PDB file of N, CA and C in Angstrom:
ATOM      1  N   MET A   1     -24.986  35.230  -0.867  1.00  0.00           N
ATOM      2  CA  MET A   1     -23.593  34.900  -0.665  1.00  0.00           C
ATOM      3  C   MET A   1     -23.103  35.625   0.588  1.00  0.00           C
ATOM      4  N   THR A   2     -22.418  34.895   1.427  1.00  0.00           N
ATOM      5  CA  THR A   2     -21.870  35.502   2.629  1.00  0.00           C
ATOM      6  C   THR A   2     -20.502  36.095   2.333  1.00  0.00           C
ATOM      7  N   ARG A   3     -20.129  37.040   3.147  1.00  0.00           N
ATOM      8  CA  ARG A   3     -18.814  37.673   3.028  1.00  0.00           C
ATOM      9  C   ARG A   3     -18.073  37.517   4.338  1.00  0.00           C
ATOM     10  N   GLN A   4     -16.783  37.322   4.216  1.00  0.00           N
ATOM     11  CA  GLN A   4     -15.922  37.209   5.383  1.00  0.00           C
ATOM     12  C   GLN A   4     -14.785  38.206   5.214  1.00  0.00           C
ATOM     13  N   THR A   5     -14.517  38.982   6.252  1.00  0.00           N
ATOM     14  CA  THR A   5     -13.424  39.958   6.182  1.00  0.00           C
ATOM     15  C   THR A   5     -12.190  39.394   6.872  1.00  0.00           C
ATOM     16  N   TYR A   6     -11.024  39.846   6.417  1.00  0.00           N
ATOM     17  CA  TYR A   6      -9.746  39.374   6.950  1.00  0.00           C
ATOM     18  C   TYR A   6      -8.818  40.555   7.173  1.00  0.00           C
ATOM     19  N   GLY A   7      -7.973  40.399   8.165  1.00  0.00           N
ATOM     20  CA  GLY A   7      -6.981  41.427   8.459  1.00  0.00           C
ATOM     21  C   GLY A   7      -7.518  42.457   9.421  1.00  0.00           C
ATOM     22  N   LYS A   8      -6.605  43.234   9.937  1.00  0.00           N
ATOM     23  CA  LYS A   8      -6.949  44.284  10.890  1.00  0.00           C
ATOM     24  C   LYS A   8      -7.391  45.531  10.128  1.00  0.00           C
ATOM     25  N   LYS A   9      -8.615  45.946  10.368  1.00  0.00           N
ATOM     26  CA  LYS A   9      -9.154  47.142   9.717  1.00  0.00           C
ATOM     27  C   LYS A   9      -8.590  48.382  10.403  1.00  0.00           C
ATOM     28  N   ASN A  10      -8.058  49.286   9.597  1.00  0.00           N
ATOM     29  CA  ASN A  10      -7.607  50.572  10.111  1.00  0.00           C
ATOM     30  C   ASN A  10      -8.854  51.359  10.517  1.00  0.00           C
ATOM     31  N   PRO A  11      -8.932  51.842  11.762  1.00  0.00           N
ATOM     32  CA  PRO A  11     -10.145  52.543  12.202  1.00  0.00           C
ATOM     33  C   PRO A  11     -10.427  53.830  11.422  1.00  0.00           C
ATOM     34  N   ASN A  12      -9.417  54.360  10.727  1.00  0.00           N
ATOM     35  CA  ASN A  12      -9.590  55.591   9.961  1.00  0.00           C
ATOM     36  C   ASN A  12      -9.973  55.346   8.506  1.00  0.00           C
ATOM     37  N   LEU A  13     -10.039  54.071   8.102  1.00  0.00           N
ATOM     38  CA  LEU A  13     -10.321  53.748   6.698  1.00  0.00           C
ATOM     39  C   LEU A  13     -11.529  52.809   6.617  1.00  0.00           C
ATOM     40  N   PRO A  14     -12.406  53.021   5.633  1.00  0.00           N
ATOM     41  CA  PRO A  14     -13.658  52.253   5.563  1.00  0.00           C
ATOM     42  C   PRO A  14     -13.571  50.941   4.782  1.00  0.00           C
ATOM     43  N   PHE A  15     -12.488  50.169   4.961  1.00  0.00           N
ATOM     44  CA  PHE A  15     -12.363  48.902   4.248  1.00  0.00           C
ATOM     45  C   PHE A  15     -11.425  47.970   5.003  1.00  0.00           C
ATOM     46  N   TYR A  16     -11.438  46.701   4.607  1.00  0.00           N
ATOM     47  CA  TYR A  16     -10.582  45.675   5.195  1.00  0.00           C
ATOM     48  C   TYR A  16      -9.464  45.312   4.225  1.00  0.00           C
ATOM     49  N   PRO A  17      -8.370  44.720   4.727  1.00  0.00           N
ATOM     50  CA  PRO A  17      -7.300  44.277   3.840  1.00  0.00           C
ATOM     51  C   PRO A  17      -7.760  43.236   2.824  1.00  0.00           C
ATOM     52  N   ALA A  18      -8.704  42.372   3.221  1.00  0.00           N
ATOM     53  CA  ALA A  18      -9.195  41.352   2.295  1.00  0.00           C
ATOM     54  C   ALA A  18     -10.633  40.978   2.640  1.00  0.00           C
ATOM     55  N   VAL A  19     -11.375  40.595   1.600  1.00  0.00           N
ATOM     56  CA  VAL A  19     -12.761  40.151   1.763  1.00  0.00           C
ATOM     57  C   VAL A  19     -12.967  38.918   0.891  1.00  0.00           C
ATOM     58  N   ARG A  20     -13.520  37.867   1.489  1.00  0.00           N
ATOM     59  CA  ARG A  20     -13.887  36.670   0.720  1.00  0.00           C
ATOM     60  C   ARG A  20     -15.366  36.795   0.383  1.00  0.00           C
ATOM     61  N   ALA A  21     -15.656  36.572  -0.895  1.00  0.00           N
ATOM     62  CA  ALA A  21     -17.037  36.516  -1.381  1.00  0.00           C
ATOM     63  C   ALA A  21     -17.135  35.226  -2.183  1.00  0.00           C
ATOM     64  N   GLY A  22     -17.713  34.191  -1.574  1.00  0.00           N
ATOM     65  CA  GLY A  22     -17.761  32.890  -2.235  1.00  0.00           C
ATOM     66  C   GLY A  22     -16.365  32.315  -2.364  1.00  0.00           C
ATOM     67  N   ASP A  23     -16.016  31.920  -3.569  1.00  0.00           N
ATOM     68  CA  ASP A  23     -14.704  31.314  -3.817  1.00  0.00           C
ATOM     69  C   ASP A  23     -13.627  32.341  -4.163  1.00  0.00           C
ATOM     70  N   PHE A  24     -13.984  33.620  -4.173  1.00  0.00           N
ATOM     71  CA  PHE A  24     -13.026  34.667  -4.526  1.00  0.00           C
ATOM     72  C   PHE A  24     -12.606  35.465  -3.298  1.00  0.00           C
ATOM     73  N   ILE A  25     -11.340  35.864  -3.293  1.00  0.00           N
ATOM     74  CA  ILE A  25     -10.794  36.706  -2.232  1.00  0.00           C
ATOM     75  C   ILE A  25     -10.287  37.979  -2.892  1.00  0.00           C
ATOM     76  N   PHE A  26     -10.785  39.100  -2.430  1.00  0.00           N
ATOM     77  CA  PHE A  26     -10.417  40.408  -2.963  1.00  0.00           C
ATOM     78  C   PHE A  26      -9.492  41.078  -1.963  1.00  0.00           C
ATOM     79  N   VAL A  27      -8.272  41.373  -2.398  1.00  0.00           N
ATOM     80  CA  VAL A  27      -7.276  42.003  -1.535  1.00  0.00           C
ATOM     81  C   VAL A  27      -7.197  43.482  -1.888  1.00  0.00           C
ATOM     82  N   SER A  28      -7.423  44.316  -0.882  1.00  0.00           N
ATOM     83  CA  SER A  28      -7.327  45.764  -1.076  1.00  0.00           C
ATOM     84  C   SER A  28      -5.921  46.148  -1.489  1.00  0.00           C
ATOM     85  N   GLY A  29      -5.783  47.336  -2.059  1.00  0.00           N
ATOM     86  CA  GLY A  29      -4.467  47.820  -2.467  1.00  0.00           C
ATOM     87  C   GLY A  29      -3.484  47.778  -1.309  1.00  0.00           C
ATOM     88  N   GLN A  30      -2.348  47.153  -1.552  1.00  0.00           N
ATOM     89  CA  GLN A  30      -1.303  47.022  -0.536  1.00  0.00           C
ATOM     90  C   GLN A  30      -0.124  47.909  -0.918  1.00  0.00           C
ATOM     91  N   VAL A  31       0.379  48.619   0.067  1.00  0.00           N
ATOM     92  CA  VAL A  31       1.531  49.500  -0.124  1.00  0.00           C
ATOM     93  C   VAL A  31       2.715  48.927   0.645  1.00  0.00           C
ATOM     94  N   PRO A  32       3.912  49.446   0.424  1.00  0.00           N
ATOM     95  CA  PRO A  32       5.096  48.899   1.093  1.00  0.00           C
ATOM     96  C   PRO A  32       5.022  49.040   2.616  1.00  0.00           C
ATOM     97  N   LYS A  33       4.790  47.912   3.278  1.00  0.00           N
ATOM     98  CA  LYS A  33       4.759  47.867   4.740  1.00  0.00           C
ATOM     99  C   LYS A  33       5.456  46.588   5.177  1.00  0.00           C
ATOM    100  N   ASP A  34       6.029  46.644   6.356  1.00  0.00           N
ATOM    101  CA  ASP A  34       6.606  45.429   6.908  1.00  0.00           C
ATOM    102  C   ASP A  34       5.512  44.616   7.602  1.00  0.00           C
ATOM    103  N   SER A  35       5.878  43.480   8.167  1.00  0.00           N
ATOM    104  CA  SER A  35       4.890  42.603   8.794  1.00  0.00           C
ATOM    105  C   SER A  35       4.230  43.240  10.020  1.00  0.00           C
ATOM    106  N   GLU A  36       4.835  44.293  10.550  1.00  0.00           N
ATOM    107  CA  GLU A  36       4.257  45.015  11.685  1.00  0.00           C
ATOM    108  C   GLU A  36       3.338  46.155  11.229  1.00  0.00           C
ATOM    109  N   GLY A  37       3.247  46.367   9.913  1.00  0.00           N
ATOM    110  CA  GLY A  37       2.376  47.409   9.390  1.00  0.00           C
ATOM    111  C   GLY A  37       3.016  48.775   9.262  1.00  0.00           C
ATOM    112  N   ASN A  38       4.332  48.833   9.397  1.00  0.00           N
ATOM    113  CA  ASN A  38       5.033  50.114   9.281  1.00  0.00           C
ATOM    114  C   ASN A  38       5.390  50.396   7.828  1.00  0.00           C
ATOM    115  N   MET A  39       5.028  51.569   7.357  1.00  0.00           N
ATOM    116  CA  MET A  39       5.365  52.000   5.996  1.00  0.00           C
ATOM    117  C   MET A  39       6.860  52.223   5.885  1.00  0.00           C
ATOM    118  N   PHE A  40       7.384  52.007   4.680  1.00  0.00           N
ATOM    119  CA  PHE A  40       8.774  52.357   4.429  1.00  0.00           C
ATOM    120  C   PHE A  40       8.937  52.756   2.969  1.00  0.00           C
ATOM    121  N   CYS A  41       9.971  53.540   2.720  1.00  0.00           N
ATOM    122  CA  CYS A  41      10.327  53.950   1.360  1.00  0.00           C
ATOM    123  C   CYS A  41      11.637  53.257   1.016  1.00  0.00           C
ATOM    124  N   GLY A  42      11.694  52.707  -0.192  1.00  0.00           N
ATOM    125  CA  GLY A  42      12.906  52.047  -0.638  1.00  0.00           C
ATOM    126  C   GLY A  42      12.988  52.126  -2.143  1.00  0.00           C
ATOM    127  N   THR A  43      13.801  51.263  -2.720  1.00  0.00           N
ATOM    128  CA  THR A  43      13.887  51.201  -4.178  1.00  0.00           C
ATOM    129  C   THR A  43      12.590  50.601  -4.711  1.00  0.00           C
ATOM    130  N   ILE A  44      12.360  50.711  -5.996  1.00  0.00           N
ATOM    131  CA  ILE A  44      11.154  50.115  -6.574  1.00  0.00           C
ATOM    132  C   ILE A  44      11.163  48.608  -6.359  1.00  0.00           C
ATOM    133  N   GLU A  45      12.333  47.990  -6.401  1.00  0.00           N
ATOM    134  CA  GLU A  45      12.413  46.551  -6.158  1.00  0.00           C
ATOM    135  C   GLU A  45      11.995  46.206  -4.730  1.00  0.00           C
ATOM    136  N   GLU A  46      12.504  46.951  -3.761  1.00  0.00           N
ATOM    137  CA  GLU A  46      12.149  46.706  -2.356  1.00  0.00           C
ATOM    138  C   GLU A  46      10.667  46.950  -2.107  1.00  0.00           C
ATOM    139  N   GLU A  47      10.151  48.031  -2.667  1.00  0.00           N
ATOM    140  CA  GLU A  47       8.740  48.347  -2.459  1.00  0.00           C
ATOM    141  C   GLU A  47       7.835  47.322  -3.148  1.00  0.00           C
ATOM    142  N   THR A  48       8.221  46.852  -4.337  1.00  0.00           N
ATOM    143  CA  THR A  48       7.431  45.833  -5.031  1.00  0.00           C
ATOM    144  C   THR A  48       7.388  44.556  -4.200  1.00  0.00           C
ATOM    145  N   ARG A  49       8.537  44.117  -3.741  1.00  0.00           N
ATOM    146  CA  ARG A  49       8.618  42.908  -2.909  1.00  0.00           C
ATOM    147  C   ARG A  49       7.739  43.052  -1.673  1.00  0.00           C
ATOM    148  N   SER A  50       7.801  44.199  -1.033  1.00  0.00           N
ATOM    149  CA  SER A  50       7.023  44.444   0.174  1.00  0.00           C
ATOM    150  C   SER A  50       5.516  44.417  -0.117  1.00  0.00           C
ATOM    151  N   CYS A  51       5.101  45.030  -1.219  1.00  0.00           N
ATOM    152  CA  CYS A  51       3.676  45.018  -1.582  1.00  0.00           C
ATOM    153  C   CYS A  51       3.186  43.596  -1.823  1.00  0.00           C
ATOM    154  N   ILE A  52       3.981  42.824  -2.549  1.00  0.00           N
ATOM    155  CA  ILE A  52       3.574  41.443  -2.849  1.00  0.00           C
ATOM    156  C   ILE A  52       3.537  40.611  -1.571  1.00  0.00           C
ATOM    157  N   GLU A  53       4.476  40.834  -0.661  1.00  0.00           N
ATOM    158  CA  GLU A  53       4.446  40.125   0.618  1.00  0.00           C
ATOM    159  C   GLU A  53       3.212  40.533   1.421  1.00  0.00           C
ATOM    160  N   ALA A  54       2.812  41.797   1.342  1.00  0.00           N
ATOM    161  CA  ALA A  54       1.598  42.243   2.032  1.00  0.00           C
ATOM    162  C   ALA A  54       0.361  41.572   1.426  1.00  0.00           C
ATOM    163  N   VAL A  55       0.329  41.433   0.100  1.00  0.00           N
ATOM    164  CA  VAL A  55      -0.758  40.693  -0.553  1.00  0.00           C
ATOM    165  C   VAL A  55      -0.758  39.257  -0.038  1.00  0.00           C
ATOM    166  N   ARG A  56       0.420  38.647   0.028  1.00  0.00           N
ATOM    167  CA  ARG A  56       0.535  37.265   0.511  1.00  0.00           C
ATOM    168  C   ARG A  56       0.002  37.136   1.938  1.00  0.00           C
ATOM    169  N   ARG A  57       0.356  38.072   2.823  1.00  0.00           N
ATOM    170  CA  ARG A  57      -0.129  38.011   4.209  1.00  0.00           C
ATOM    171  C   ARG A  57      -1.653  38.093   4.255  1.00  0.00           C
ATOM    172  N   ALA A  58      -2.239  38.973   3.468  1.00  0.00           N
ATOM    173  CA  ALA A  58      -3.698  39.094   3.447  1.00  0.00           C
ATOM    174  C   ALA A  58      -4.333  37.808   2.930  1.00  0.00           C
ATOM    175  N   LEU A  59      -3.748  37.222   1.897  1.00  0.00           N
ATOM    176  CA  LEU A  59      -4.281  35.975   1.338  1.00  0.00           C
ATOM    177  C   LEU A  59      -4.165  34.828   2.336  1.00  0.00           C
ATOM    178  N   LYS A  60      -3.049  34.747   3.047  1.00  0.00           N
ATOM    179  CA  LYS A  60      -2.847  33.658   4.008  1.00  0.00           C
ATOM    180  C   LYS A  60      -3.921  33.680   5.088  1.00  0.00           C
ATOM    181  N   GLU A  61      -4.320  34.865   5.528  1.00  0.00           N
ATOM    182  CA  GLU A  61      -5.386  34.949   6.530  1.00  0.00           C
ATOM    183  C   GLU A  61      -6.696  34.373   6.002  1.00  0.00           C
ATOM    184  N   ALA A  62      -6.865  34.422   4.689  1.00  0.00           N
ATOM    185  CA  ALA A  62      -8.083  33.903   4.061  1.00  0.00           C
ATOM    186  C   ALA A  62      -7.900  32.470   3.564  1.00  0.00           C
ATOM    187  N   GLY A  63      -6.759  31.855   3.883  1.00  0.00           N
ATOM    188  CA  GLY A  63      -6.518  30.475   3.492  1.00  0.00           C
ATOM    189  C   GLY A  63      -6.020  30.289   2.071  1.00  0.00           C
ATOM    190  N   ALA A  64      -5.423  31.308   1.503  1.00  0.00           N
ATOM    191  CA  ALA A  64      -4.925  31.245   0.122  1.00  0.00           C
ATOM    192  C   ALA A  64      -3.465  31.698   0.092  1.00  0.00           C
ATOM    193  N   ASP A  65      -2.886  31.713  -1.117  1.00  0.00           N
ATOM    194  CA  ASP A  65      -1.509  32.179  -1.285  1.00  0.00           C
ATOM    195  C   ASP A  65      -1.363  32.783  -2.679  1.00  0.00           C
ATOM    196  N   LEU A  66      -0.166  33.204  -3.008  1.00  0.00           N
ATOM    197  CA  LEU A  66       0.061  33.900  -4.275  1.00  0.00           C
ATOM    198  C   LEU A  66      -0.324  33.064  -5.491  1.00  0.00           C
ATOM    199  N   GLU A  67      -0.147  31.744  -5.439  1.00  0.00           N
ATOM    200  CA  GLU A  67      -0.491  30.922  -6.602  1.00  0.00           C
ATOM    201  C   GLU A  67      -1.997  30.906  -6.876  1.00  0.00           C
ATOM    202  N   ASP A  68      -2.800  31.408  -5.938  1.00  0.00           N
ATOM    203  CA  ASP A  68      -4.243  31.480  -6.127  1.00  0.00           C
ATOM    204  C   ASP A  68      -4.695  32.791  -6.771  1.00  0.00           C
ATOM    205  N   VAL A  69      -3.769  33.723  -6.960  1.00  0.00           N
ATOM    206  CA  VAL A  69      -4.100  35.020  -7.565  1.00  0.00           C
ATOM    207  C   VAL A  69      -4.450  34.815  -9.038  1.00  0.00           C
ATOM    208  N   VAL A  70      -5.603  35.372  -9.435  1.00  0.00           N
ATOM    209  CA  VAL A  70      -6.032  35.291 -10.834  1.00  0.00           C
ATOM    210  C   VAL A  70      -5.996  36.660 -11.514  1.00  0.00           C
ATOM    211  N   LYS A  71      -5.903  37.742 -10.720  1.00  0.00           N
ATOM    212  CA  LYS A  71      -5.873  39.089 -11.289  1.00  0.00           C
ATOM    213  C   LYS A  71      -5.138  40.002 -10.332  1.00  0.00           C
ATOM    214  N   ALA A  72      -4.245  40.802 -10.873  1.00  0.00           N
ATOM    215  CA  ALA A  72      -3.541  41.820 -10.085  1.00  0.00           C
ATOM    216  C   ALA A  72      -3.613  43.142 -10.827  1.00  0.00           C
ATOM    217  N   THR A  73      -3.774  44.197 -10.070  1.00  0.00           N
ATOM    218  CA  THR A  73      -3.705  45.546 -10.622  1.00  0.00           C
ATOM    219  C   THR A  73      -2.578  46.262  -9.891  1.00  0.00           C
ATOM    220  N   VAL A  74      -1.685  46.846 -10.672  1.00  0.00           N
ATOM    221  CA  VAL A  74      -0.493  47.485 -10.113  1.00  0.00           C
ATOM    222  C   VAL A  74      -0.514  48.958 -10.508  1.00  0.00           C
ATOM    223  N   TYR A  75      -0.283  49.804  -9.532  1.00  0.00           N
ATOM    224  CA  TYR A  75      -0.233  51.250  -9.742  1.00  0.00           C
ATOM    225  C   TYR A  75       1.199  51.700  -9.487  1.00  0.00           C
ATOM    226  N   LEU A  76       1.862  52.149 -10.538  1.00  0.00           N
ATOM    227  CA  LEU A  76       3.241  52.630 -10.435  1.00  0.00           C
ATOM    228  C   LEU A  76       3.249  54.153 -10.424  1.00  0.00           C
ATOM    229  N   GLY A  77       4.023  54.721  -9.519  1.00  0.00           N
ATOM    230  CA  GLY A  77       4.150  56.171  -9.481  1.00  0.00           C
ATOM    231  C   GLY A  77       4.919  56.725 -10.667  1.00  0.00           C
ATOM    232  N   ASP A  78       5.789  55.907 -11.248  1.00  0.00           N
ATOM    233  CA  ASP A  78       6.624  56.352 -12.368  1.00  0.00           C
ATOM    234  C   ASP A  78       6.770  55.187 -13.350  1.00  0.00           C
ATOM    235  N   ALA A  79       6.253  55.353 -14.551  1.00  0.00           N
ATOM    236  CA  ALA A  79       6.295  54.288 -15.558  1.00  0.00           C
ATOM    237  C   ALA A  79       7.722  53.869 -15.902  1.00  0.00           C
ATOM    238  N   ARG A  80       8.698  54.724 -15.646  1.00  0.00           N
ATOM    239  CA  ARG A  80      10.094  54.362 -15.921  1.00  0.00           C
ATOM    240  C   ARG A  80      10.577  53.237 -15.008  1.00  0.00           C
ATOM    241  N   ASP A  81       9.847  52.957 -13.931  1.00  0.00           N
ATOM    242  CA  ASP A  81      10.202  51.868 -13.021  1.00  0.00           C
ATOM    243  C   ASP A  81       9.650  50.518 -13.487  1.00  0.00           C
ATOM    244  N   PHE A  82       8.927  50.497 -14.613  1.00  0.00           N
ATOM    245  CA  PHE A  82       8.237  49.280 -15.041  1.00  0.00           C
ATOM    246  C   PHE A  82       9.162  48.065 -15.132  1.00  0.00           C
ATOM    247  N   GLY A  83      10.276  48.169 -15.802  1.00  0.00           N
ATOM    248  CA  GLY A  83      11.162  47.023 -15.997  1.00  0.00           C
ATOM    249  C   GLY A  83      11.672  46.454 -14.686  1.00  0.00           C
ATOM    250  N   ARG A  84      12.044  47.320 -13.765  1.00  0.00           N
ATOM    251  CA  ARG A  84      12.574  46.867 -12.476  1.00  0.00           C
ATOM    252  C   ARG A  84      11.477  46.228 -11.625  1.00  0.00           C
ATOM    253  N   TYR A  85      10.296  46.834 -11.610  1.00  0.00           N
ATOM    254  CA  TYR A  85       9.174  46.234 -10.872  1.00  0.00           C
ATOM    255  C   TYR A  85       8.779  44.910 -11.512  1.00  0.00           C
ATOM    256  N   ASN A  86       8.737  44.863 -12.836  1.00  0.00           N
ATOM    257  CA  ASN A  86       8.311  43.669 -13.550  1.00  0.00           C
ATOM    258  C   ASN A  86       9.253  42.494 -13.271  1.00  0.00           C
ATOM    259  N   GLY A  87      10.544  42.766 -13.116  1.00  0.00           N
ATOM    260  CA  GLY A  87      11.501  41.716 -12.787  1.00  0.00           C
ATOM    261  C   GLY A  87      11.209  41.081 -11.432  1.00  0.00           C
ATOM    262  N   VAL A  88      10.895  41.898 -10.433  1.00  0.00           N
ATOM    263  CA  VAL A  88      10.556  41.381  -9.106  1.00  0.00           C
ATOM    264  C   VAL A  88       9.232  40.624  -9.173  1.00  0.00           C
ATOM    265  N   PHE A  89       8.258  41.186  -9.871  1.00  0.00           N
ATOM    266  CA  PHE A  89       6.949  40.542  -9.998  1.00  0.00           C
ATOM    267  C   PHE A  89       7.110  39.146 -10.600  1.00  0.00           C
ATOM    268  N   ALA A  90       7.910  39.044 -11.655  1.00  0.00           N
ATOM    269  CA  ALA A  90       8.115  37.754 -12.325  1.00  0.00           C
ATOM    270  C   ALA A  90       8.754  36.736 -11.382  1.00  0.00           C
ATOM    271  N   LYS A  91       9.683  37.162 -10.537  1.00  0.00           N
ATOM    272  CA  LYS A  91      10.328  36.247  -9.598  1.00  0.00           C
ATOM    273  C   LYS A  91       9.378  35.790  -8.497  1.00  0.00           C
ATOM    274  N   MET A  92       8.467  36.676  -8.075  1.00  0.00           N
ATOM    275  CA  MET A  92       7.558  36.339  -6.988  1.00  0.00           C
ATOM    276  C   MET A  92       6.313  35.586  -7.466  1.00  0.00           C
ATOM    277  N   PHE A  93       6.057  35.636  -8.759  1.00  0.00           N
ATOM    278  CA  PHE A  93       4.957  34.874  -9.369  1.00  0.00           C
ATOM    279  C   PHE A  93       5.557  34.016 -10.485  1.00  0.00           C
ATOM    280  N   PRO A  94       6.441  33.066 -10.139  1.00  0.00           N
ATOM    281  CA  PRO A  94       7.181  32.326 -11.169  1.00  0.00           C
ATOM    282  C   PRO A  94       6.314  31.466 -12.088  1.00  0.00           C
ATOM    283  N   ASN A  95       5.210  30.986 -11.602  1.00  0.00           N
ATOM    284  CA  ASN A  95       4.319  30.138 -12.405  1.00  0.00           C
ATOM    285  C   ASN A  95       2.983  30.834 -12.617  1.00  0.00           C
ATOM    286  N   ALA A  96       3.045  32.135 -12.809  1.00  0.00           N
ATOM    287  CA  ALA A  96       1.827  32.945 -12.869  1.00  0.00           C
ATOM    288  C   ALA A  96       0.870  32.498 -13.954  1.00  0.00           C
ATOM    289  N   ALA A  97      -0.358  32.277 -13.536  1.00  0.00           N
ATOM    290  CA  ALA A  97      -1.467  32.042 -14.452  1.00  0.00           C
ATOM    291  C   ALA A  97      -2.510  33.083 -14.056  1.00  0.00           C
ATOM    292  N   LEU A  98      -2.142  34.339 -14.271  1.00  0.00           N
ATOM    293  CA  LEU A  98      -2.997  35.428 -13.836  1.00  0.00           C
ATOM    294  C   LEU A  98      -3.066  36.521 -14.892  1.00  0.00           C
ATOM    295  N   ALA A  99      -4.087  37.318 -14.772  1.00  0.00           N
ATOM    296  CA  ALA A  99      -4.213  38.520 -15.600  1.00  0.00           C
ATOM    297  C   ALA A  99      -3.645  39.680 -14.777  1.00  0.00           C
ATOM    298  N   ARG A 100      -3.052  40.673 -15.462  1.00  0.00           N
ATOM    299  CA  ARG A 100      -2.461  41.789 -14.742  1.00  0.00           C
ATOM    300  C   ARG A 100      -2.660  43.072 -15.525  1.00  0.00           C
ATOM    301  N   THR A 101      -2.915  44.128 -14.797  1.00  0.00           N
ATOM    302  CA  THR A 101      -2.967  45.466 -15.364  1.00  0.00           C
ATOM    303  C   THR A 101      -1.963  46.314 -14.607  1.00  0.00           C
ATOM    304  N   THR A 102      -1.176  47.107 -15.328  1.00  0.00           N
ATOM    305  CA  THR A 102      -0.235  48.031 -14.699  1.00  0.00           C
ATOM    306  C   THR A 102      -0.491  49.413 -15.268  1.00  0.00           C
ATOM    307  N   VAL A 103      -0.702  50.373 -14.384  1.00  0.00           N
ATOM    308  CA  VAL A 103      -0.935  51.746 -14.816  1.00  0.00           C
ATOM    309  C   VAL A 103      -0.007  52.685 -14.054  1.00  0.00           C
ATOM    310  N   GLU A 104       0.276  53.820 -14.665  1.00  0.00           N
ATOM    311  CA  GLU A 104       1.029  54.855 -13.968  1.00  0.00           C
ATOM    312  C   GLU A 104       0.020  55.748 -13.267  1.00  0.00           C
ATOM    313  N   ALA A 105       0.154  55.835 -11.962  1.00  0.00           N
ATOM    314  CA  ALA A 105      -0.755  56.664 -11.167  1.00  0.00           C
ATOM    315  C   ALA A 105      -0.052  57.057  -9.880  1.00  0.00           C
ATOM    316  N   ARG A 106      -0.203  58.280  -9.507  1.00  0.00           N
ATOM    317  CA  ARG A 106       0.386  58.759  -8.259  1.00  0.00           C
ATOM    318  C   ARG A 106      -0.498  58.325  -7.100  1.00  0.00           C
ATOM    319  N   ALA A 107       0.096  57.716  -6.093  1.00  0.00           N
ATOM    320  CA  ALA A 107      -0.645  57.268  -4.917  1.00  0.00           C
ATOM    321  C   ALA A 107      -1.003  58.464  -4.030  1.00  0.00           C
ATOM    322  N   VAL A 108      -1.987  58.263  -3.173  1.00  0.00           N
ATOM    323  CA  VAL A 108      -2.390  59.334  -2.265  1.00  0.00           C
ATOM    324  C   VAL A 108      -1.474  59.422  -1.053  1.00  0.00           C
ATOM    325  N   ILE A 109      -0.565  58.451  -0.921  1.00  0.00           N
ATOM    326  CA  ILE A 109       0.462  58.494   0.115  1.00  0.00           C
ATOM    327  C   ILE A 109       1.810  58.385  -0.583  1.00  0.00           C
ATOM    328  N   ASN A 110       2.881  58.607   0.150  1.00  0.00           N
ATOM    329  CA  ASN A 110       4.218  58.622  -0.447  1.00  0.00           C
ATOM    330  C   ASN A 110       4.726  57.199  -0.668  1.00  0.00           C
ATOM    331  N   THR A 111       4.420  56.645  -1.833  1.00  0.00           N
ATOM    332  CA  THR A 111       4.865  55.309  -2.190  1.00  0.00           C
ATOM    333  C   THR A 111       5.079  55.232  -3.691  1.00  0.00           C
ATOM    334  N   LYS A 112       5.957  54.360  -4.112  1.00  0.00           N
ATOM    335  CA  LYS A 112       6.235  54.197  -5.539  1.00  0.00           C
ATOM    336  C   LYS A 112       5.270  53.234  -6.211  1.00  0.00           C
ATOM    337  N   ILE A 113       4.572  52.393  -5.409  1.00  0.00           N
ATOM    338  CA  ILE A 113       3.766  51.310  -5.969  1.00  0.00           C
ATOM    339  C   ILE A 113       2.659  50.911  -5.001  1.00  0.00           C
ATOM    340  N   GLU A 114       1.559  50.444  -5.571  1.00  0.00           N
ATOM    341  CA  GLU A 114       0.461  49.849  -4.805  1.00  0.00           C
ATOM    342  C   GLU A 114      -0.073  48.692  -5.642  1.00  0.00           C
ATOM    343  N   ILE A 115      -0.415  47.592  -4.983  1.00  0.00           N
ATOM    344  CA  ILE A 115      -0.897  46.408  -5.689  1.00  0.00           C
ATOM    345  C   ILE A 115      -2.154  45.880  -5.010  1.00  0.00           C
ATOM    346  N   ASP A 116      -3.200  45.630  -5.808  1.00  0.00           N
ATOM    347  CA  ASP A 116      -4.361  44.903  -5.295  1.00  0.00           C
ATOM    348  C   ASP A 116      -4.491  43.609  -6.082  1.00  0.00           C
ATOM    349  N   ALA A 117      -5.259  42.678  -5.559  1.00  0.00           N
ATOM    350  CA  ALA A 117      -5.328  41.357  -6.191  1.00  0.00           C
ATOM    351  C   ALA A 117      -6.669  40.687  -5.950  1.00  0.00           C
ATOM    352  N   ILE A 118      -6.982  39.769  -6.847  1.00  0.00           N
ATOM    353  CA  ILE A 118      -8.143  38.895  -6.697  1.00  0.00           C
ATOM    354  C   ILE A 118      -7.610  37.469  -6.786  1.00  0.00           C
ATOM    355  N   ALA A 119      -7.999  36.650  -5.818  1.00  0.00           N
ATOM    356  CA  ALA A 119      -7.592  35.242  -5.799  1.00  0.00           C
ATOM    357  C   ALA A 119      -8.836  34.369  -5.881  1.00  0.00           C
ATOM    358  N   TYR A 120      -8.633  33.185  -6.430  1.00  0.00           N
ATOM    359  CA  TYR A 120      -9.694  32.191  -6.497  1.00  0.00           C
ATOM    360  C   TYR A 120      -9.260  30.982  -5.682  1.00  0.00           C
ATOM    361  N   LYS A 121      -9.991  30.730  -4.606  1.00  0.00           N
ATOM    362  CA  LYS A 121      -9.680  29.599  -3.722  1.00  0.00           C
ATOM    363  C   LYS A 121     -11.021  29.061  -3.221  1.00  0.00           C
ATOM    364  N   PRO A 122     -11.498  27.962  -3.825  1.00  0.00           N
ATOM    365  CA  PRO A 122     -12.792  27.418  -3.417  1.00  0.00           C
ATOM    366  C   PRO A 122     -12.878  27.155  -1.919  1.00  0.00           C
ATOM    367  N   VAL A 123     -14.026  27.460  -1.358  1.00  0.00           N
ATOM    368  CA  VAL A 123     -14.288  27.212   0.051  1.00  0.00           C
ATOM    369  C   VAL A 123     -14.447  25.711   0.229  1.00  0.00           C
ATOM    370  N   LYS A 124     -13.814  25.164   1.246  1.00  0.00           N
ATOM    371  CA  LYS A 124     -13.908  23.709   1.484  1.00  0.00           C
ATOM    372  C   LYS A 124     -15.090  23.384   2.344  1.00  0.00           C
TER     373      LYS A 124
END
């Protein structure tokens, strides 16, 4: 099986934003960044939206979109933010047919949330 990488690799980190392996696209953990790649701190709602948009950008480079996501893993810095993050997640995945795991875990950088995803989009 061949692999295709997507996105700009940070020279200081040993991974790519996304990798296609066959019909699956694996999106690395995305943190709150704007389209220019600048980190920002905001409310849990703002950071959740930003993470999901970063997942979307990585998927688009691989020819997929959010509706192709079959699995998401979410890392929350504070479990008390669950309801607010979950509300944004539900709005951004309105027709979700995906599996999801959410855990409380402190990120290695200053962020309230990180999201990684797996999408299924058959190669044409």
